[in-house]
Each structure stands twice: as structure tokens, then as C-alpha cells.
Amino acid sequence: MKICVLQSSYDDSNSPFKNLDMYSDPSRWVKKHEFHHRYIHKQTAEQQIDEACREEFDMYLNYMWGQPEDDVAGVEAVKYLESKGVPFIGLPSRFLAKTKLDFRDAARKHGVRVPDDTTFPQIVKLANGCGSMHLTEDSVCYTQEAVEEQVRVLKEKSGGGEVVVQQFVVGEECSAMVLEMGDNVVSLPPTTMRFPDDMDPMKRFLHWGNKVNAVTAGVIREMFVEDEVKASLLKQAAVAAFRALDAAGGGAWARVDMRVDAEGKVYVLEVNPAPALFYPLSDVFRGDHVILESFPGGHEALMDILIVTKLAQMRGFEKQVTGVQSGYEEMAPKYDAISASTNMGLIFNTVASECNMSGSVLDLGCGTGIFGRVLHEVKPEQVSVLTGVDISPAMLASPTIRAHYSTVLVSPMQEAAMTLEDFDHVVVFGCLHFLDPTIFSAVLSRLFFVARRSITISVEDIPERYNDHLRKIGYGVMYSWNHTKAVRDFGVPQNWRVAYDQRFDAWDSPKTGDKVFATILRYERVDAGQSCGMKEAVNGL
């Protein structure tokens, strides 16, 4: 895709971030897409946005962040961008315009724990702004007189801006990045700030000096939360906080800042709508190391997830989906007979025989339910509760589906993958080749959030002559992509392993006669135990 990145320009700005911040640049990490930067000035934002919209980019990435009191483009510029009707991912204006006071009120309304307004010690900070602006060690107050003095100082520095006064929670400083995935909001692994052991607990928070100096110098380090219970609580709180702000719907992401007290209670401080991403890894106080170390598929897949989420919100899949759906509606009455003439049945038998599929199974692109039937025939004693998803109502009308699937859903697999969640196993056979490279990457990444124990997929080695033959006979809508290299480049996410990896002669096209090979890959979560005993290819395939 050709993507326009809209940045808040620091030219002619007195922003304190001007000499500290380099511009975010996705091309540092993402090579699949083409990025073009437009640096938007607050005074000329509408004219510059008009010019960018006339260039007809495929997608826009909004990185304009300024609050009304800032002298860089922000809330009003984003509102104007929204009025243009162009597709963009990033910060919606209603999210960017929220203050810490807005969040506090929304959090309390939705049951999200936040610090109270009366307990001492208290911390005094600006309701607007970011980067711990004007926060110092003196911002933590022990008396009402000290609070009043800090309020006076902040209002003077900010030109009368609103101020938040709340309990200073003594404990750990933590954060978690959250992002939209379709209709879901997902938290990435949370992090905690590791302060020097000899630092006063009342000074262990990220005021301006700590951020600019101590973190950069490595005196304060950001580390992943290792305690699983604590990490789970932080994730839940982060997602709840994002939802409380009604921030979803724009392909957005955020960083949720939290504190954990000595009893393990999580308090949400704020939801930062502009967390720093796509910076050099050497720039330590950024979120890129979280993506690099924990996001399935890394930055490439993250960008693809954001794009696909936006496309889903815009219903941008319909043209391609309609063509594939019509092809399978036509094929449905003879699909079982066609499949019987291929090696897919033997592949299904091998997977069902050698792999533990007990529990809940999501079968994306399930067709007429052949895999479900084989699974129940091969291991009738194994309790596998199947949910089938397919694009074709005619395929799902099969008696095999009714006999072996407890739930069925008519949906494109890319939309279902972004919507459904929490299955023990996910299987996807014979249909990932219909996804273009961006959607394939996004769907594959998303499956690692959906599956608790395993993911088993087929990746078809599509020869280009196959697509040429399809076009010649009028079936160009069934165009297929070869993701054999892409799945290797994707890598193996942290805490997962490849339990099986074998290439097979899978099927001959009934339309063109072309032979198609497929690689069967099974990923298993490391902490889920050994569940697949496949060691060799199926003989004769």
C-alpha cells in the first residue's frame, strides 16, 4: 500500500519535545508498504491536508498529536482530516481530545479503578499534555498546603490549564500497549519500570527528569512483567480503560499507564493516545522493543493488523470476498467429490491422528466440514467442539457440517479471525491463498492471539501459471497468492514452537489442472505441552 504519514511539524514550534523527539517513521521497520511523510503545521493544517488528500494515497496514518494549547497540529487538524472521508488509521479526534479528567470520570463510570481524590500523599499534574510535562519530585505532596502550591505552579506554567490532583499510589510503575484488532481490543505484554534499589519509593515515578535523563541513561529500565497473575490483571485493566474512553473505531492504539500497590491492586493513571512507535530501537523510551519481542510477526504484522482493522471497519473486503463466495457457491454441490480426488483427505487424517485436538476448535474456511468429520472418525473418544466459519452458505448447508460442528458462522475468514477469540485450537486449510499479503500477515498474527494451544495451517505454493489459467477461463476473481516465503519471514512468535512442518502434493485444480503443493505447519504454545506427534510426511504424497 501507498501510505501517507501525517506528522505534527515542529517547524516554528516552541514545543519542549522539539529537540528531544525525532519523527516516527514506519519505514524503519516495515518494508512491505510505501510510506510518504507530510509534516502538518498548525496554522496551515487544512490546506496541507487538502493537498495530501488530493494525492490519493491508499491509506493515511495519523500521527498528529497536539492538544489545543500546543503550537503543533493536533485535535482540530484531525477533525478536519475526518471530514475529508479518507481512510486513516491512528488517533481519532474524540480520543485525542480527552483529558485526564475525562478519563477519570469515564473510568469511574465503567468500574475501572483509578486513584481517589482525597488520600495523601497526592500527586499534582496537568490534565492535558503528555510526556510528564512539568512533573517533578515536588509534584508528590503530603499536605494540603503543598498541593495548593503545586496547583499554583502548574497553572502558572501552563497558562491556566486544568490540573488533576489524585492519590499518589506507592508501588510499581507499569504500562501496557493496547490496540484494536477488528472489533476486539487487545493488550500486549505489560512492562514495569525498574528503579534503582536505593531510590526513595516516593520518587519512583516517571516525572520529566526521570524520563528525559534516567531512562535514557539506563538508570531506570523498562522490563516485561514476569509475574503471570500481575500481567493478566494489568492487561485486563488496560483493555477496560481503553474501552471506557470509547476510543475504538479508528484503527487506533494507545499506551495505558498504571500503578500497582503493595497489595497487588492495579490503578489506571491515564490512557496515552500517542505512544511512540516506529523509532530506532536505540531510542530506549519507546514501544518498539515491546513489538519486536512480543508481537507475532513484529512491526510488519502490526502495521498489517492496523490496516486490516480499518478495512474491516470500512467493509473494504467485499469486492474480493464476493468473487470467492460466488465461486464456492457454484462448487458446493460437487465439493466433496472434488476433495476426494485430492490428497487433502490424507492430510486431514494425518493431522487428526497425530495431533491432540481436544477442547474447542475453530475451523476457518471449513467448507463442507470434511476436517471435522475426519477428526471425529479418527478419534471418536476425543472431545472436540468445533466452530466452523465459511464464506459460502451453500457449503455450510452440508449434512457433514450439521453432524460435526456445534456452531457455524457465515463470514469471510479475515473478519471472523478478527472477531472470534479464545479457542484451544485453530485450523485453516486450503484457503489462506485467497488473502492478499497484507491480510495474510494480519490474519496469521491474529491467530496467535486467538489460539490457546495450537494453530495448524496449510500454506499453498501457488504457481503463477495457475492464476494465468484462471484469468483465461474467466475466473480471475479466484486469484490466489503464494505465501510460502511470507510464512517463513513471519517467524515463530515468542512462547510458540513449530511442532510440524511438511510439504505435500495437495491438490490438482479442477478448473485448470494445475498441480498445487502445500506446506502444513503446526504451531504449538510452548507452555501448553506436547500435543502433536507427527514426525514424517504422509507416504506417497
Protein backbone atom coordinates (compact mmCIF):
# COMPACT_ATOMS: atom_id res chain seq x y z
CA MET A 1 0.00 0.00 0.00
CA LYS A 2 0.97 3.61 -0.54
CA ILE A 3 0.52 5.22 2.88
CA CYS A 4 0.70 8.90 3.81
CA VAL A 5 2.03 9.57 7.32
CA LEU A 6 0.66 12.84 8.70
CA GLN A 7 3.05 14.28 11.29
CA SER A 8 2.76 17.30 13.58
CA SER A 9 5.56 19.55 12.34
CA TYR A 10 7.98 21.05 14.87
CA ASP A 11 8.97 23.83 12.46
CA ASP A 12 8.28 27.27 14.02
CA SER A 13 7.25 25.47 17.22
CA ASN A 14 8.33 26.08 20.80
CA SER A 15 7.29 22.57 21.90
CA PRO A 16 9.56 21.16 24.63
CA PHE A 17 9.67 17.94 22.56
CA LYS A 18 11.18 19.72 19.56
CA ASN A 19 14.78 18.89 20.41
CA LEU A 20 14.01 15.56 22.08
CA ASP A 21 11.77 13.84 19.59
CA MET A 22 12.61 12.52 16.16
CA TYR A 23 9.70 11.81 13.86
CA SER A 24 8.07 8.40 13.85
CA ASP A 25 8.89 6.55 10.63
CA PRO A 26 7.24 3.16 9.95
CA SER A 27 9.68 2.52 7.09
CA ARG A 28 12.38 1.92 9.72
CA TRP A 29 10.63 -1.35 10.46
CA VAL A 30 8.07 -2.03 7.72
CA LYS A 31 9.28 -2.78 4.18
CA LYS A 32 6.10 -4.17 2.64
CA HIS A 33 4.39 -0.79 2.28
CA GLU A 34 5.46 2.54 0.81
CA PHE A 35 5.40 5.48 3.26
CA HIS A 36 5.30 9.19 2.37
CA HIS A 37 5.55 11.83 5.09
CA ARG A 38 3.63 15.09 5.22
CA TYR A 39 4.59 17.47 8.02
CA ILE A 40 1.50 19.42 9.03
CA HIS A 41 1.70 22.91 10.57
CA LYS A 42 -1.00 24.03 12.95
CA GLN A 43 -1.62 27.30 11.09
CA THR A 44 -1.91 25.76 7.62
CA ALA A 45 -3.28 22.32 8.53
CA GLU A 46 -6.42 22.40 6.39
CA GLN A 47 -4.59 23.48 3.23
CA GLN A 48 -1.89 20.83 3.74
CA ILE A 49 -4.42 18.09 4.47
CA ASP A 50 -6.34 19.04 1.33
CA GLU A 51 -3.15 18.65 -0.68
CA ALA A 52 -2.40 15.26 0.89
CA CYS A 53 -5.92 14.02 0.18
CA ARG A 54 -5.66 15.03 -3.47
CA GLU A 55 -2.67 12.70 -3.82
CA GLU A 56 -5.00 9.70 -3.44
CA PHE A 57 -3.00 7.52 -1.12
CA ASP A 58 -4.34 4.04 -0.32
CA MET A 59 -4.32 4.80 3.40
CA TYR A 60 -3.39 7.60 5.77
CA LEU A 61 -1.60 7.17 9.10
CA ASN A 62 -2.39 9.95 11.54
CA TYR A 63 0.44 10.92 13.88
CA MET A 64 -0.79 14.45 14.63
CA TRP A 65 -0.94 14.74 18.39
CA GLY A 66 -1.22 18.37 19.56
CA GLN A 67 -3.69 19.45 22.22
CA PRO A 68 -5.48 22.82 21.79
CA GLU A 69 -2.87 24.58 23.92
CA ASP A 70 0.06 23.14 21.93
CA ASP A 71 1.55 25.03 19.00
CA VAL A 72 1.65 21.92 16.80
CA ALA A 73 -1.11 20.36 14.69
CA GLY A 74 -3.46 18.13 16.61
CA VAL A 75 -7.13 17.90 17.58
CA GLU A 76 -8.55 20.41 15.13
CA ALA A 77 -6.40 19.11 12.27
CA VAL A 78 -7.58 15.55 12.96
CA LYS A 79 -11.21 16.71 12.97
CA TYR A 80 -10.63 18.23 9.55
CA LEU A 81 -8.98 15.03 8.32
CA GLU A 82 -12.06 13.11 9.47
CA SER A 83 -14.30 15.45 7.50
CA LYS A 84 -12.45 14.51 4.29
CA GLY A 85 -13.72 10.94 4.41
CA VAL A 86 -10.36 9.37 3.58
CA PRO A 87 -9.36 6.06 5.25
CA PHE A 88 -6.89 6.62 8.06
CA ILE A 89 -5.51 4.66 10.97
CA GLY A 90 -4.32 6.20 14.19
CA LEU A 91 -5.75 8.78 16.52
CA PRO A 92 -9.43 9.77 16.10
CA SER A 93 -10.13 13.30 17.29
CA ARG A 94 -12.57 12.22 20.01
CA PHE A 95 -9.76 10.17 21.58
CA LEU A 96 -7.07 12.81 21.21
CA ALA A 97 -9.33 15.48 22.74
CA LYS A 98 -9.82 13.54 26.00
CA THR A 99 -8.09 14.91 29.10
CA LYS A 100 -7.00 13.07 32.22
CA LEU A 101 -10.14 14.43 33.89
CA ASP A 102 -12.28 12.96 31.09
CA PHE A 103 -10.58 9.63 31.60
CA ARG A 104 -11.01 9.73 35.37
CA ASP A 105 -14.76 10.32 35.02
CA ALA A 106 -15.16 7.66 32.31
CA ALA A 107 -13.12 5.14 34.29
CA ARG A 108 -15.22 5.54 37.42
CA LYS A 109 -18.40 5.23 35.39
CA HIS A 110 -17.22 1.93 33.91
CA GLY A 111 -15.74 0.45 37.08
CA VAL A 112 -12.06 0.94 36.23
CA ARG A 113 -10.02 1.51 39.39
CA VAL A 114 -8.31 4.92 39.46
CA PRO A 115 -6.61 6.79 42.32
CA ASP A 116 -9.00 8.70 44.57
CA ASP A 117 -9.04 12.47 45.06
CA THR A 118 -8.58 12.68 48.83
CA THR A 119 -5.96 10.21 50.09
CA PHE A 120 -2.46 11.51 50.84
CA PRO A 121 0.20 11.53 49.55
CA GLN A 122 -1.21 13.20 46.44
CA ILE A 123 0.28 13.99 43.07
CA VAL A 124 -0.48 17.14 41.07
CA LYS A 125 -0.27 17.08 37.27
CA LEU A 126 -1.70 18.73 34.20
CA ALA A 127 -5.00 17.39 32.90
CA ASN A 128 -3.76 17.90 29.35
CA GLY A 129 -0.40 17.31 27.75
CA CYS A 130 1.90 14.33 27.57
CA GLY A 131 5.44 13.26 28.35
CA SER A 132 5.09 14.04 32.10
CA MET A 133 5.24 17.72 31.29
CA HIS A 134 6.16 19.83 34.37
CA LEU A 135 6.13 16.77 36.67
CA THR A 136 8.94 16.88 39.26
CA GLU A 137 9.73 15.18 42.55
CA ASP A 138 7.89 18.10 44.21
CA SER A 139 4.69 17.07 42.41
CA VAL A 140 4.14 14.49 45.16
CA CYS A 141 2.59 16.32 48.10
CA TYR A 142 1.98 15.36 51.74
CA THR A 143 -0.09 18.33 52.88
CA GLN A 144 -2.93 20.42 51.51
CA GLU A 145 -0.68 23.48 51.53
CA ALA A 146 1.85 21.69 49.30
CA VAL A 147 -0.95 20.65 46.93
CA GLU A 148 -2.20 24.22 46.62
CA GLU A 149 1.32 25.44 45.90
CA GLN A 150 1.85 22.82 43.16
CA VAL A 151 -1.53 23.69 41.61
CA ARG A 152 -0.48 27.35 41.54
CA VAL A 153 2.88 26.48 39.93
CA LEU A 154 1.31 24.28 37.25
CA LYS A 155 -1.36 26.80 36.35
CA GLU A 156 1.29 29.47 36.02
CA LYS A 157 3.47 27.28 33.79
CA SER A 158 0.56 26.15 31.64
CA GLY A 159 -1.23 29.45 31.28
CA GLY A 160 -4.15 28.45 33.47
CA GLY A 161 -4.60 24.89 32.27
CA GLU A 162 -6.70 22.34 34.14
CA VAL A 163 -4.97 20.35 36.87
CA VAL A 164 -5.52 16.84 38.25
CA VAL A 165 -5.00 16.16 41.96
CA GLN A 166 -5.17 12.50 42.98
CA GLN A 167 -3.71 9.93 45.33
CA PHE A 168 -0.09 9.01 44.65
CA VAL A 169 -0.13 5.22 44.62
CA VAL A 170 3.06 3.95 46.20
CA GLY A 171 4.24 0.91 44.27
CA GLU A 172 5.23 -0.21 40.78
CA GLU A 173 5.05 1.95 37.67
CA CYS A 174 3.63 -0.19 34.83
CA SER A 175 2.17 0.24 31.38
CA ALA A 176 0.64 -1.82 28.60
CA MET A 177 0.12 -1.11 24.93
CA VAL A 178 -3.37 -1.81 23.61
CA LEU A 179 -4.63 -1.84 20.04
CA GLU A 180 -7.72 -2.60 18.05
CA MET A 181 -7.96 -5.91 16.22
CA GLY A 182 -11.24 -5.86 14.36
CA ASP A 183 -13.95 -5.49 16.99
CA ASN A 184 -11.56 -6.56 19.74
CA VAL A 185 -9.18 -4.57 21.89
CA VAL A 186 -6.02 -6.50 22.77
CA SER A 187 -3.35 -5.75 25.34
CA LEU A 188 0.26 -6.62 24.62
CA PRO A 189 2.52 -7.91 27.41
CA PRO A 190 2.78 -5.21 30.09
CA THR A 191 6.04 -3.68 31.23
CA THR A 192 7.30 -2.30 34.52
CA MET A 193 9.91 0.35 35.26
CA ARG A 194 12.84 -0.97 37.28
CA PHE A 195 14.12 1.84 39.52
CA PRO A 196 17.42 1.69 41.44
CA ASP A 197 17.04 -0.25 44.68
CA ASP A 198 18.28 2.65 46.76
CA MET A 199 15.81 5.16 45.30
CA ASP A 200 13.18 6.52 47.71
CA PRO A 201 9.83 4.78 46.92
CA MET A 202 8.14 8.19 46.88
CA LYS A 203 10.38 9.21 43.96
CA ARG A 204 9.81 6.09 41.89
CA PHE A 205 7.63 7.54 39.18
CA LEU A 206 8.22 8.89 35.69
CA HIS A 207 8.46 12.62 36.15
CA TRP A 208 10.05 14.71 33.42
CA GLY A 209 13.60 14.37 34.72
CA ASN A 210 13.35 10.62 35.09
CA LYS A 211 12.02 10.23 31.55
CA VAL A 212 14.46 12.56 29.85
CA ASN A 213 17.56 11.67 31.83
CA ALA A 214 17.40 8.50 33.94
CA VAL A 215 15.58 6.30 31.43
CA THR A 216 17.77 7.47 28.55
CA ALA A 217 20.90 6.81 30.61
CA GLY A 218 19.71 3.33 31.58
CA VAL A 219 19.47 4.17 35.29
CA ILE A 220 15.76 3.33 35.10
CA ARG A 221 14.98 0.38 32.85
CA GLU A 222 11.75 -0.87 31.31
CA MET A 223 11.22 -4.63 31.61
CA PHE A 224 8.42 -7.08 30.91
CA VAL A 225 6.24 -8.06 33.87
CA GLU A 226 7.20 -11.65 34.65
CA ASP A 227 4.52 -12.50 37.21
CA GLU A 228 1.67 -14.04 35.16
CA VAL A 229 -1.09 -13.10 37.60
CA LYS A 230 0.05 -9.49 37.76
CA ALA A 231 0.47 -9.36 33.98
CA SER A 232 -3.06 -10.66 33.48
CA LEU A 233 -4.52 -8.05 35.84
CA LEU A 234 -2.62 -5.29 34.06
CA LYS A 235 -3.86 -6.46 30.65
CA GLN A 236 -7.46 -6.56 31.84
CA ALA A 237 -7.20 -3.09 33.33
CA ALA A 238 -5.58 -1.68 30.18
CA VAL A 239 -8.30 -3.02 27.89
CA ALA A 240 -11.06 -1.84 30.24
CA ALA A 241 -9.53 1.64 30.38
CA PHE A 242 -9.32 1.91 26.58
CA ARG A 243 -12.91 0.77 26.20
CA ALA A 244 -14.09 3.17 28.90
CA LEU A 245 -12.88 6.10 26.80
CA ASP A 246 -14.87 4.89 23.76
CA ALA A 247 -11.65 5.21 21.81
CA ALA A 248 -12.18 2.28 19.43
CA GLY A 249 -13.27 2.57 15.82
CA GLY A 250 -10.32 4.28 14.22
CA GLY A 251 -7.71 1.57 13.93
CA ALA A 252 -6.11 3.15 16.97
CA TRP A 253 -3.58 2.09 19.55
CA ALA A 254 -2.63 3.53 22.93
CA ARG A 255 -0.41 3.09 25.96
CA VAL A 256 -2.16 2.69 29.31
CA ASP A 257 -0.15 3.85 32.31
CA MET A 258 -0.83 2.14 35.63
CA ARG A 259 0.49 1.67 39.16
CA VAL A 260 0.35 -1.47 41.29
CA ASP A 261 0.28 -1.07 45.07
CA ALA A 262 1.77 -3.38 47.71
CA GLU A 263 -1.45 -5.43 47.82
CA GLY A 264 -1.36 -6.06 44.07
CA LYS A 265 -4.22 -3.69 43.23
CA VAL A 266 -3.96 -2.09 39.79
CA TYR A 267 -4.75 1.62 39.43
CA VAL A 268 -5.04 3.15 35.97
CA LEU A 269 -3.50 6.61 35.69
CA GLU A 270 -4.18 7.56 32.08
CA VAL A 271 -4.57 6.37 28.51
CA ASN A 272 -1.89 7.91 26.31
CA PRO A 273 -3.30 8.29 22.77
CA ALA A 274 0.06 8.80 21.06
CA PRO A 275 2.54 6.17 22.25
CA ALA A 276 5.83 6.31 20.44
CA LEU A 277 6.27 3.60 17.81
CA PHE A 278 8.43 3.13 14.71
CA TYR A 279 11.53 4.72 16.20
CA PRO A 280 15.09 3.36 16.23
CA LEU A 281 15.48 0.61 18.80
CA SER A 282 18.31 2.59 20.39
CA ASP A 283 15.71 5.20 21.42
CA VAL A 284 15.01 3.40 24.68
CA PHE A 285 11.82 5.07 25.89
CA ARG A 286 9.63 3.81 23.06
CA GLY A 287 7.26 0.91 22.49
CA ASP A 288 9.22 -0.68 19.66
CA HIS A 289 11.03 -3.20 21.84
CA VAL A 290 7.63 -4.48 23.04
CA ILE A 291 6.59 -5.06 19.42
CA LEU A 292 9.92 -6.58 18.48
CA GLU A 293 9.96 -9.02 21.38
CA SER A 294 6.29 -9.93 21.81
CA PHE A 295 4.12 -9.17 18.77
CA PRO A 296 3.57 -12.15 16.43
CA GLY A 297 5.16 -11.14 13.12
CA GLY A 298 6.74 -7.99 14.56
CA HIS A 299 6.27 -4.48 13.17
CA GLU A 300 5.28 -5.72 9.71
CA ALA A 301 2.36 -7.68 11.14
CA LEU A 302 1.43 -4.84 13.49
CA MET A 303 1.06 -2.44 10.58
CA ASP A 304 -0.94 -5.04 8.66
CA ILE A 305 -3.23 -5.59 11.67
CA LEU A 306 -3.94 -1.85 11.85
CA ILE A 307 -4.65 -1.69 8.12
CA VAL A 308 -6.90 -4.74 8.11
CA THR A 309 -8.78 -3.49 11.17
CA LYS A 310 -9.51 -0.27 9.31
CA LEU A 311 -10.53 -2.15 6.17
CA ALA A 312 -12.89 -4.31 8.23
CA GLN A 313 -14.46 -1.20 9.77
CA MET A 314 -14.91 0.19 6.24
CA ARG A 315 -16.13 -3.17 4.89
CA GLY A 316 -13.22 -2.99 2.49
CA PHE A 317 -13.11 -6.73 1.79
CA GLU A 318 -16.42 -7.00 -0.03
CA LYS A 319 -15.24 -6.91 -3.66
CA GLN A 320 -12.73 -9.75 -3.28
CA VAL A 321 -14.97 -11.68 -0.90
CA THR A 322 -17.94 -11.58 -3.27
CA GLY A 323 -15.97 -13.18 -6.10
CA VAL A 324 -14.60 -16.00 -3.96
CA GLN A 325 -18.00 -16.59 -2.39
CA SER A 326 -19.68 -16.95 -5.78
CA GLY A 327 -17.03 -19.47 -6.84
CA TYR A 328 -17.66 -21.68 -3.83
CA GLU A 329 -21.43 -21.35 -4.03
CA GLU A 330 -21.14 -22.81 -7.53
CA MET A 331 -18.74 -25.53 -6.35
CA ALA A 332 -20.65 -26.57 -3.21
CA PRO A 333 -22.75 -29.44 -4.69
CA LYS A 334 -19.65 -31.20 -6.02
CA TYR A 335 -17.09 -30.06 -3.44
CA ASP A 336 -16.91 -33.34 -1.52
CA ALA A 337 -16.35 -35.29 -4.73
CA ILE A 338 -13.63 -32.87 -5.84
CA SER A 339 -11.91 -33.09 -2.45
CA ALA A 340 -11.99 -36.89 -2.56
CA SER A 341 -9.85 -36.78 -5.69
CA THR A 342 -7.11 -34.80 -3.89
CA ASN A 343 -4.68 -35.64 -1.10
CA MET A 344 -6.33 -33.29 1.39
CA GLY A 345 -8.23 -36.18 2.97
CA LEU A 346 -4.97 -37.98 3.74
CA ILE A 347 -3.52 -34.77 5.16
CA PHE A 348 -6.58 -34.31 7.37
CA ASN A 349 -6.28 -37.91 8.52
CA THR A 350 -2.64 -37.40 9.48
CA VAL A 351 -3.36 -34.22 11.41
CA ALA A 352 -6.35 -35.78 13.18
CA SER A 353 -4.44 -38.97 14.03
CA GLU A 354 -1.25 -37.43 15.33
CA CYS A 355 -2.39 -34.20 16.95
CA ASN A 356 -4.27 -33.59 20.16
CA MET A 357 -7.32 -31.53 19.18
CA SER A 358 -9.25 -31.93 22.42
CA GLY A 359 -11.22 -28.90 23.50
CA SER A 360 -12.57 -26.08 21.37
CA VAL A 361 -11.52 -25.92 17.71
CA LEU A 362 -12.00 -23.00 15.31
CA ASP A 363 -12.05 -24.22 11.70
CA LEU A 364 -11.62 -21.17 9.45
CA GLY A 365 -12.69 -21.83 5.86
CA CYS A 366 -14.28 -25.12 6.95
CA GLY A 367 -16.07 -25.73 3.63
CA THR A 368 -18.43 -28.70 3.90
CA GLY A 369 -16.85 -29.84 7.17
CA ILE A 370 -14.55 -32.56 5.90
CA PHE A 371 -11.90 -31.92 8.55
CA GLY A 372 -14.49 -32.10 11.34
CA ARG A 373 -15.80 -35.40 10.02
CA VAL A 374 -12.30 -36.89 9.76
CA LEU A 375 -11.42 -35.65 13.24
CA HIS A 376 -14.45 -37.35 14.79
CA GLU A 377 -13.97 -40.56 12.78
CA VAL A 378 -10.28 -40.91 13.63
CA LYS A 379 -10.64 -40.09 17.33
CA PRO A 380 -14.24 -40.69 18.39
CA GLU A 381 -13.15 -40.75 22.04
CA GLN A 382 -11.64 -37.26 21.84
CA VAL A 383 -13.96 -34.44 22.81
CA SER A 384 -13.52 -31.73 20.18
CA VAL A 385 -16.12 -28.97 19.99
CA LEU A 386 -15.91 -27.39 16.55
CA THR A 387 -16.87 -23.94 15.36
CA GLY A 388 -16.91 -23.67 11.57
CA VAL A 389 -16.53 -20.49 9.56
CA ASP A 390 -17.00 -20.28 5.81
CA ILE A 391 -17.81 -17.68 3.21
CA SER A 392 -20.38 -19.85 1.42
CA PRO A 393 -23.84 -20.60 2.87
CA ALA A 394 -24.16 -23.47 0.41
CA MET A 395 -21.01 -25.10 1.75
CA LEU A 396 -22.25 -24.74 5.33
CA ALA A 397 -25.56 -26.39 4.38
CA SER A 398 -23.75 -29.73 4.10
CA PRO A 399 -25.06 -32.58 6.32
CA THR A 400 -21.47 -33.09 7.46
CA ILE A 401 -21.46 -29.62 8.99
CA ARG A 402 -24.69 -30.28 10.87
CA ALA A 403 -23.35 -33.60 12.15
CA HIS A 404 -19.97 -32.48 13.43
CA TYR A 405 -19.97 -28.71 14.13
CA SER A 406 -21.68 -27.21 17.16
CA THR A 407 -21.54 -23.65 15.80
CA VAL A 408 -21.28 -22.27 12.27
CA LEU A 409 -20.81 -18.74 11.02
CA VAL A 410 -21.12 -17.36 7.50
CA SER A 411 -18.26 -14.89 7.28
CA PRO A 412 -15.05 -14.12 5.41
CA MET A 413 -12.25 -15.74 7.38
CA GLN A 414 -10.42 -12.41 7.77
CA GLU A 415 -13.40 -10.84 9.52
CA ALA A 416 -14.06 -13.89 11.67
CA ALA A 417 -10.39 -14.11 12.70
CA MET A 418 -10.51 -10.51 13.90
CA THR A 419 -13.77 -11.04 15.78
CA LEU A 420 -13.65 -14.50 17.36
CA GLU A 421 -11.26 -15.40 20.15
CA ASP A 422 -10.25 -17.88 22.84
CA PHE A 423 -10.20 -21.30 21.18
CA ASP A 424 -7.89 -24.11 22.21
CA HIS A 425 -7.00 -24.83 18.59
CA VAL A 426 -7.30 -23.06 15.24
CA VAL A 427 -7.11 -24.85 11.90
CA VAL A 428 -7.06 -23.22 8.46
CA PHE A 429 -6.80 -25.48 5.42
CA GLY A 430 -6.89 -24.64 1.73
CA CYS A 431 -7.99 -21.01 1.87
CA LEU A 432 -5.22 -18.69 3.10
CA HIS A 433 -4.10 -18.32 -0.50
CA PHE A 434 -7.17 -16.14 -1.16
CA LEU A 435 -5.79 -13.45 1.18
CA ASP A 436 -3.53 -10.76 -0.21
CA PRO A 437 -0.14 -10.40 1.54
CA THR A 438 -1.30 -7.67 3.95
CA ILE A 439 -4.40 -9.56 5.05
CA PHE A 440 -2.50 -12.86 5.27
CA SER A 441 0.06 -11.32 7.61
CA ALA A 442 -2.64 -9.74 9.76
CA VAL A 443 -4.73 -12.91 9.99
CA LEU A 444 -1.73 -15.09 10.83
CA SER A 445 -0.65 -12.67 13.55
CA ARG A 446 -4.16 -12.50 14.95
CA LEU A 447 -4.41 -16.31 15.20
CA PHE A 448 -1.68 -16.28 17.84
CA PHE A 449 -3.99 -14.13 19.98
CA VAL A 450 -7.00 -16.36 19.27
CA ALA A 451 -5.47 -19.80 19.94
CA ARG A 452 -4.64 -21.00 23.42
CA ARG A 453 -2.81 -24.21 22.45
CA SER A 454 -2.19 -24.74 18.74
CA ILE A 455 -2.53 -23.39 15.20
CA THR A 456 -2.45 -25.71 12.19
CA ILE A 457 -2.47 -24.21 8.69
CA SER A 458 -1.81 -25.10 5.09
CA VAL A 459 0.19 -22.65 3.00
CA GLU A 460 -0.25 -23.31 -0.70
CA ASP A 461 2.71 -22.97 -3.06
CA ILE A 462 0.64 -21.37 -5.83
CA PRO A 463 2.33 -21.38 -9.26
CA GLU A 464 1.76 -18.16 -11.19
CA ARG A 465 0.58 -20.15 -14.21
CA TYR A 466 -2.41 -21.16 -12.09
CA ASN A 467 -3.57 -17.54 -11.88
CA ASP A 468 -2.88 -17.05 -15.58
CA HIS A 469 -5.08 -20.03 -16.39
CA LEU A 470 -7.84 -18.74 -14.06
CA ARG A 471 -7.88 -15.38 -15.83
CA LYS A 472 -8.05 -17.03 -19.25
CA ILE A 473 -11.15 -19.03 -18.32
CA GLY A 474 -12.88 -16.08 -16.65
CA TYR A 475 -12.18 -16.99 -13.01
CA GLY A 476 -9.85 -14.10 -12.17
CA VAL A 477 -11.92 -13.38 -9.04
CA MET A 478 -10.42 -16.57 -7.56
CA TYR A 479 -6.88 -15.13 -7.77
CA SER A 480 -4.55 -16.80 -5.26
CA TRP A 481 -1.34 -15.63 -3.58
CA ASN A 482 1.71 -17.71 -2.78
CA HIS A 483 2.58 -17.13 0.90
CA THR A 484 5.29 -19.79 1.15
CA LYS A 485 8.06 -17.23 1.65
CA ALA A 486 5.90 -14.89 3.73
CA VAL A 487 5.15 -17.54 6.34
CA ARG A 488 8.89 -18.18 6.74
CA ASP A 489 9.65 -14.47 7.01
CA PHE A 490 6.92 -14.16 9.66
CA GLY A 491 8.96 -16.27 12.04
CA VAL A 492 7.89 -18.10 15.19
CA PRO A 493 6.43 -15.91 17.95
CA GLN A 494 7.78 -15.93 21.46
CA ASN A 495 6.47 -18.84 23.58
CA TRP A 496 5.50 -20.83 20.48
CA ARG A 497 7.28 -23.55 18.55
CA VAL A 498 6.83 -25.28 15.21
CA ALA A 499 5.77 -28.84 16.01
CA TYR A 500 5.31 -29.90 12.40
CA ASP A 501 6.48 -28.59 9.05
CA GLN A 502 5.99 -30.71 5.94
CA ARG A 503 5.39 -30.08 2.23
CA PHE A 504 2.79 -32.19 0.39
CA ASP A 505 1.37 -32.69 -3.06
CA ALA A 506 -2.01 -31.30 -2.02
CA TRP A 507 -4.40 -30.98 -4.97
CA ASP A 508 -4.84 -30.53 -8.69
CA SER A 509 -7.09 -27.65 -9.68
CA PRO A 510 -10.41 -28.93 -11.07
CA LYS A 511 -10.64 -25.74 -13.16
CA THR A 512 -7.15 -25.50 -14.63
CA GLY A 513 -5.48 -28.86 -13.96
CA ASP A 514 -2.51 -27.17 -12.28
CA LYS A 515 -0.77 -29.11 -9.50
CA VAL A 516 -0.53 -27.30 -6.19
CA PHE A 517 1.77 -28.23 -3.32
CA ALA A 518 1.11 -27.14 0.24
CA THR A 519 3.15 -26.87 3.41
CA ILE A 520 1.39 -27.99 6.58
CA LEU A 521 2.59 -26.04 9.60
CA ARG A 522 1.55 -26.66 13.17
CA TYR A 523 2.48 -24.15 15.85
CA GLU A 524 2.12 -25.10 19.50
CA ARG A 525 2.29 -22.88 22.52
CA VAL A 526 5.36 -23.86 24.50
CA ASP A 527 3.63 -23.84 27.87
CA ALA A 528 0.73 -25.92 26.51
CA GLY A 529 2.79 -29.12 26.41
CA GLN A 530 3.49 -31.58 23.63
CA SER A 531 0.32 -32.28 21.66
CA CYS A 532 1.50 -33.36 18.21
CA GLY A 533 3.45 -36.50 17.47
CA MET A 534 3.82 -36.15 13.69
CA LYS A 535 7.35 -37.00 12.65
CA GLU A 536 7.21 -37.92 8.98
CA ALA A 537 5.41 -36.94 5.84
CA VAL A 538 2.45 -39.00 4.72
CA ASN A 539 3.91 -41.67 2.48
CA GLY A 540 3.07 -41.32 -1.18
CA LEU A 541 2.05 -37.64 -1.09
